[in-house]
N, C-alpha and C. Protein backbone atom coordinates (compact mmCIF):
# COMPACT_ATOMS: atom_id res chain seq x y z
N UNK A 1 39.33 50.45 -35.50
CA UNK A 1 39.93 49.77 -37.21
C UNK A 1 38.84 49.53 -37.70
N UNK A 2 37.99 48.96 -36.77
CA UNK A 2 36.20 48.42 -37.16
C UNK A 2 36.49 47.03 -38.43
N UNK A 3 35.29 47.11 -39.05
CA UNK A 3 34.95 45.73 -39.24
C UNK A 3 35.80 45.35 -40.96
N UNK A 4 36.60 46.24 -40.93
CA UNK A 4 37.69 45.69 -42.27
C UNK A 4 38.74 45.00 -41.73
N UNK A 5 39.25 45.01 -40.28
CA UNK A 5 40.28 44.25 -39.71
C UNK A 5 40.17 42.98 -40.37
N UNK A 6 41.43 42.35 -40.61
CA UNK A 6 41.61 41.15 -40.66
C UNK A 6 41.64 39.79 -39.92
N UNK A 7 40.96 40.16 -39.23
CA UNK A 7 40.97 39.18 -38.03
C UNK A 7 39.60 37.47 -38.40
N UNK A 8 40.30 36.86 -38.12
CA UNK A 8 39.69 35.43 -38.22
C UNK A 8 38.64 35.57 -37.44
N UNK A 9 37.25 35.02 -38.15
CA UNK A 9 36.26 35.17 -36.88
C UNK A 9 36.37 33.47 -36.54
N UNK A 10 35.61 33.17 -35.33
CA UNK A 10 35.69 31.69 -34.75
C UNK A 10 34.82 30.99 -35.78
N UNK A 11 34.08 31.04 -37.02
CA UNK A 11 33.76 30.09 -37.83
C UNK A 11 34.41 29.61 -38.86
N UNK A 12 35.40 31.09 -39.12
CA UNK A 12 36.56 30.55 -40.31
C UNK A 12 37.52 29.89 -39.35
N UNK A 13 38.06 30.38 -38.80
CA UNK A 13 39.10 29.61 -37.78
C UNK A 13 39.18 27.65 -38.20
N UNK A 14 37.85 27.48 -37.76
CA UNK A 14 37.77 25.96 -38.19
C UNK A 14 37.96 25.36 -39.13
N UNK A 15 37.86 25.86 -40.13
CA UNK A 15 37.80 25.98 -41.63
C UNK A 15 39.74 25.80 -41.73
N UNK A 16 40.22 26.59 -41.11
CA UNK A 16 41.88 26.82 -41.31
C UNK A 16 42.42 25.83 -40.64
N UNK A 17 41.80 25.25 -39.54
CA UNK A 17 42.55 24.12 -38.57
C UNK A 17 42.72 22.98 -38.78
N UNK A 18 41.77 22.79 -39.98
CA UNK A 18 41.86 21.08 -40.61
C UNK A 18 43.16 21.25 -41.41
N UNK A 19 44.16 19.46 -41.39
CA UNK A 19 45.35 19.58 -42.32
C UNK A 19 44.54 19.53 -43.86
N UNK A 20 45.85 20.43 -44.11
CA UNK A 20 46.17 20.74 -45.81
C UNK A 20 46.01 19.20 -46.84
N UNK A 21 45.77 19.38 -47.64
CA UNK A 21 45.59 18.28 -48.44
C UNK A 21 47.03 18.52 -49.32
N UNK A 22 47.88 17.59 -49.37
CA UNK A 22 48.77 17.66 -50.43
C UNK A 22 48.52 16.88 -51.58
N UNK A 23 48.94 17.62 -53.03
CA UNK A 23 49.00 17.23 -54.11
C UNK A 23 49.59 15.92 -54.47
N UNK A 24 49.40 14.72 -54.96
CA UNK A 24 49.68 13.73 -54.74
C UNK A 24 51.32 14.00 -55.63
N UNK A 25 52.59 12.95 -55.45
CA UNK A 25 54.01 13.55 -56.21
C UNK A 25 53.63 13.16 -57.75
N UNK A 26 54.13 14.40 -58.48
CA UNK A 26 54.30 13.61 -60.24
C UNK A 26 54.94 12.60 -60.45
N UNK A 27 54.26 11.63 -61.36
CA UNK A 27 55.64 10.61 -61.49
C UNK A 27 56.36 11.20 -62.49
N UNK A 28 57.73 10.68 -62.47
CA UNK A 28 58.92 10.88 -63.09
C UNK A 28 58.99 9.84 -64.51
N UNK A 29 59.24 10.47 -65.55
CA UNK A 29 59.13 9.76 -66.64
C UNK A 29 60.73 9.02 -66.59
N UNK A 30 61.13 7.75 -66.84
CA UNK A 30 62.36 7.05 -66.62
C UNK A 30 62.84 7.15 -68.35
N UNK A 31 64.30 7.25 -68.09
CA UNK A 31 64.93 7.80 -69.09
C UNK A 31 65.20 6.42 -69.76
N UNK A 32 64.93 6.61 -70.90
CA UNK A 32 65.07 5.14 -71.82
C UNK A 32 66.66 5.38 -72.77
N UNK A 33 67.20 4.55 -72.21
CA UNK A 33 68.27 4.73 -73.30
C UNK A 33 68.14 4.25 -74.64
N UNK A 34 68.97 4.69 -75.72
CA UNK A 34 69.30 3.91 -76.73
C UNK A 34 69.68 2.78 -76.81
N UNK A 35 69.52 1.69 -77.49
CA UNK A 35 69.76 0.32 -77.94
C UNK A 35 70.92 0.43 -78.64
N UNK A 36 71.59 -0.66 -78.89
CA UNK A 36 72.74 -0.77 -79.83
C UNK A 36 72.01 -0.64 -81.37
N UNK A 37 70.82 -1.45 -81.20
CA UNK A 37 70.48 -1.75 -82.63
C UNK A 37 70.08 -0.41 -83.05
N UNK A 38 69.46 0.45 -82.22
CA UNK A 38 69.04 1.94 -82.84
C UNK A 38 69.97 2.48 -82.84
N UNK A 39 71.26 2.91 -82.01
CA UNK A 39 72.32 3.39 -82.27
C UNK A 39 73.00 2.91 -83.62
N UNK A 40 73.03 1.68 -83.84
CA UNK A 40 73.76 1.39 -85.30
C UNK A 40 72.95 1.47 -86.40
N UNK A 41 71.74 2.00 -86.15
CA UNK A 41 70.74 2.44 -87.30
C UNK A 41 70.97 3.81 -87.52
N UNK A 42 71.37 4.35 -86.57
CA UNK A 42 71.38 5.97 -86.51
C UNK A 42 72.62 6.11 -87.29
N UNK A 43 73.75 5.05 -87.23
CA UNK A 43 74.73 5.38 -88.15
C UNK A 43 74.87 5.36 -89.25
N UNK A 44 74.14 4.27 -89.51
CA UNK A 44 73.70 3.75 -91.16
C UNK A 44 73.22 4.87 -91.78
N UNK A 45 72.17 5.04 -91.35
CA UNK A 45 70.95 6.20 -92.12
C UNK A 45 71.23 7.20 -92.11
N UNK A 46 71.90 7.78 -90.59
CA UNK A 46 72.07 9.49 -91.03
C UNK A 46 73.65 9.62 -90.63
N UNK A 47 74.68 8.67 -91.73
CA UNK A 47 75.94 8.76 -91.44
C UNK A 47 76.63 10.11 -92.21
N UNK A 48 76.30 10.80 -92.98
CA UNK A 48 76.66 12.23 -93.69
C UNK A 48 76.78 13.06 -92.53
N UNK A 49 75.69 13.01 -91.42
CA UNK A 49 75.66 14.18 -90.22
C UNK A 49 76.68 13.79 -89.24
N UNK A 50 77.20 12.29 -89.19
CA UNK A 50 78.21 12.28 -88.09
C UNK A 50 79.34 12.28 -88.56
N UNK A 51 79.30 12.32 -89.94
CA UNK A 51 81.16 12.68 -90.96
C UNK A 51 81.17 13.78 -90.77
N UNK A 52 80.15 14.87 -91.07
CA UNK A 52 80.36 16.06 -91.29
C UNK A 52 80.39 17.11 -89.78
N UNK A 53 79.94 16.42 -88.85
CA UNK A 53 79.84 17.40 -87.45
C UNK A 53 78.40 18.03 -87.12
N UNK A 54 77.73 18.37 -88.06
CA UNK A 54 76.76 18.70 -88.02
C UNK A 54 75.00 18.02 -87.72
N UNK A 55 74.09 18.54 -87.43
CA UNK A 55 72.91 17.66 -87.04
C UNK A 55 72.03 18.02 -88.20
N UNK A 56 71.15 16.81 -88.22
CA UNK A 56 69.96 17.07 -89.34
C UNK A 56 69.01 17.76 -88.38
N UNK A 57 67.96 18.45 -89.74
CA UNK A 57 66.89 19.07 -88.99
C UNK A 57 65.86 17.80 -89.01
N UNK A 58 64.11 18.20 -88.45
CA UNK A 58 63.18 17.47 -88.43
C UNK A 58 63.15 16.63 -89.80
N UNK A 59 62.82 17.27 -90.93
CA UNK A 59 62.78 16.67 -92.12
C UNK A 59 63.59 15.79 -92.54
N UNK A 60 65.05 15.80 -92.44
CA UNK A 60 66.11 14.65 -92.48
C UNK A 60 65.54 13.73 -91.61
N UNK A 61 65.16 13.99 -90.20
CA UNK A 61 65.05 12.69 -89.43
C UNK A 61 63.97 11.92 -89.99
N UNK A 62 62.74 12.90 -90.72
CA UNK A 62 61.63 11.94 -90.74
C UNK A 62 61.69 11.39 -91.79
N UNK A 63 62.43 11.45 -92.64
CA UNK A 63 62.67 10.81 -93.80
C UNK A 63 63.58 9.71 -93.59
N UNK A 64 64.45 9.33 -92.68
CA UNK A 64 65.31 8.39 -91.98
C UNK A 64 64.50 6.80 -91.53
N UNK A 65 63.14 8.31 -90.60
CA UNK A 65 62.16 7.43 -89.79
C UNK A 65 61.24 6.44 -90.81
N UNK A 66 61.10 7.08 -91.94
CA UNK A 66 60.30 6.41 -93.06
C UNK A 66 61.09 5.31 -93.60
N UNK A 67 62.19 5.91 -94.00
CA UNK A 67 63.57 4.42 -94.51
C UNK A 67 63.41 3.00 -93.69
N UNK A 68 63.44 3.62 -92.16
CA UNK A 68 63.37 2.83 -90.98
C UNK A 68 62.33 1.86 -91.24
N UNK A 69 61.00 2.44 -91.15
CA UNK A 69 59.73 1.92 -91.48
C UNK A 69 59.43 0.74 -92.44
N UNK A 70 60.32 1.24 -93.41
CA UNK A 70 60.14 -0.06 -94.67
C UNK A 70 61.15 -1.07 -94.07
N UNK A 71 62.31 -0.69 -93.54
CA UNK A 71 63.23 -2.17 -93.51
C UNK A 71 62.69 -2.32 -91.63
N UNK A 72 61.60 -1.99 -91.46
CA UNK A 72 61.17 -2.88 -90.07
C UNK A 72 62.16 -2.53 -88.77
N UNK A 73 62.59 -1.16 -88.98
CA UNK A 73 63.61 -0.88 -88.24
C UNK A 73 63.12 -0.33 -86.98
N UNK A 74 64.21 0.14 -85.89
CA UNK A 74 63.64 0.70 -84.37
C UNK A 74 63.54 2.39 -84.31
N UNK A 75 64.08 3.38 -84.89
CA UNK A 75 64.43 4.19 -84.76
C UNK A 75 63.12 5.23 -84.87
N UNK A 76 62.21 4.46 -85.48
CA UNK A 76 60.70 4.90 -85.89
C UNK A 76 59.96 5.29 -84.47
N UNK A 77 60.40 4.46 -83.69
CA UNK A 77 59.84 4.81 -82.26
C UNK A 77 60.21 5.83 -81.34
N UNK A 78 61.17 6.41 -81.86
CA UNK A 78 61.66 7.36 -81.05
C UNK A 78 61.20 8.94 -81.62
N UNK A 79 60.88 9.76 -80.89
CA UNK A 79 60.48 11.50 -81.54
C UNK A 79 61.73 11.85 -81.94
N UNK A 80 61.72 13.08 -83.02
CA UNK A 80 62.63 13.33 -84.28
C UNK A 80 63.45 14.36 -83.08
N UNK A 81 63.43 14.78 -82.11
CA UNK A 81 64.03 15.58 -81.25
C UNK A 81 65.24 14.72 -80.51
N UNK A 82 64.52 13.72 -80.12
CA UNK A 82 65.24 12.94 -79.49
C UNK A 82 66.59 12.36 -80.25
N UNK A 83 66.26 12.17 -81.60
CA UNK A 83 67.21 11.47 -82.34
C UNK A 83 68.33 12.73 -82.81
N UNK A 84 67.65 14.02 -82.92
CA UNK A 84 68.85 14.97 -83.06
C UNK A 84 69.69 15.16 -82.09
N UNK A 85 68.79 15.07 -81.05
CA UNK A 85 69.91 15.15 -79.62
C UNK A 85 70.69 13.82 -79.57
N UNK A 86 70.63 12.50 -80.36
CA UNK A 86 71.64 11.46 -79.75
C UNK A 86 72.58 11.61 -80.90
N UNK A 87 72.23 12.53 -81.92
CA UNK A 87 73.04 12.38 -83.42
C UNK A 87 74.15 13.61 -82.44
N UNK A 88 73.71 14.78 -82.09
CA UNK A 88 74.34 15.73 -81.29
C UNK A 88 75.50 15.28 -80.79
N UNK A 89 74.96 14.42 -79.45
CA UNK A 89 75.41 13.95 -78.65
C UNK A 89 76.78 12.84 -79.03
N UNK A 90 76.50 12.64 -80.11
CA UNK A 90 77.55 11.61 -80.51
C UNK A 90 78.75 12.24 -81.53
N UNK A 91 77.90 13.44 -82.12
CA UNK A 91 79.42 14.24 -82.63
C UNK A 91 80.24 14.80 -81.08
N UNK A 92 79.41 15.23 -80.31
CA UNK A 92 80.19 15.85 -79.49
C UNK A 92 81.02 14.68 -78.83
N UNK A 93 80.81 13.63 -79.07
CA UNK A 93 81.83 12.15 -78.38
C UNK A 93 83.02 12.37 -79.19
N UNK A 94 82.76 12.31 -80.27
CA UNK A 94 83.58 11.97 -81.32
C UNK A 94 84.83 13.45 -81.65
N UNK A 95 84.71 14.67 -80.94
CA UNK A 95 85.66 15.57 -80.89
C UNK A 95 86.37 15.21 -80.16
């Protein structure tokens, strides 16, 4: 067979005998539940979407967040996609 054999020489063997280093586990983000205040604010500011059973798109949510900022509200801290998911869940719950 010759030199092209895939045998491990004594020098290479020493490298493989050591313990493998494990990657540290990734930190998992805790799910942050919507508070009652945030839920009430969604119900008032985005009520037309809850009544019609559809969910808003990003521009409509951004407008609601701007109104919330002017009123010192709480939903402006949440991302738009999380608010849309919350409205979707609220619509499914009402069915």
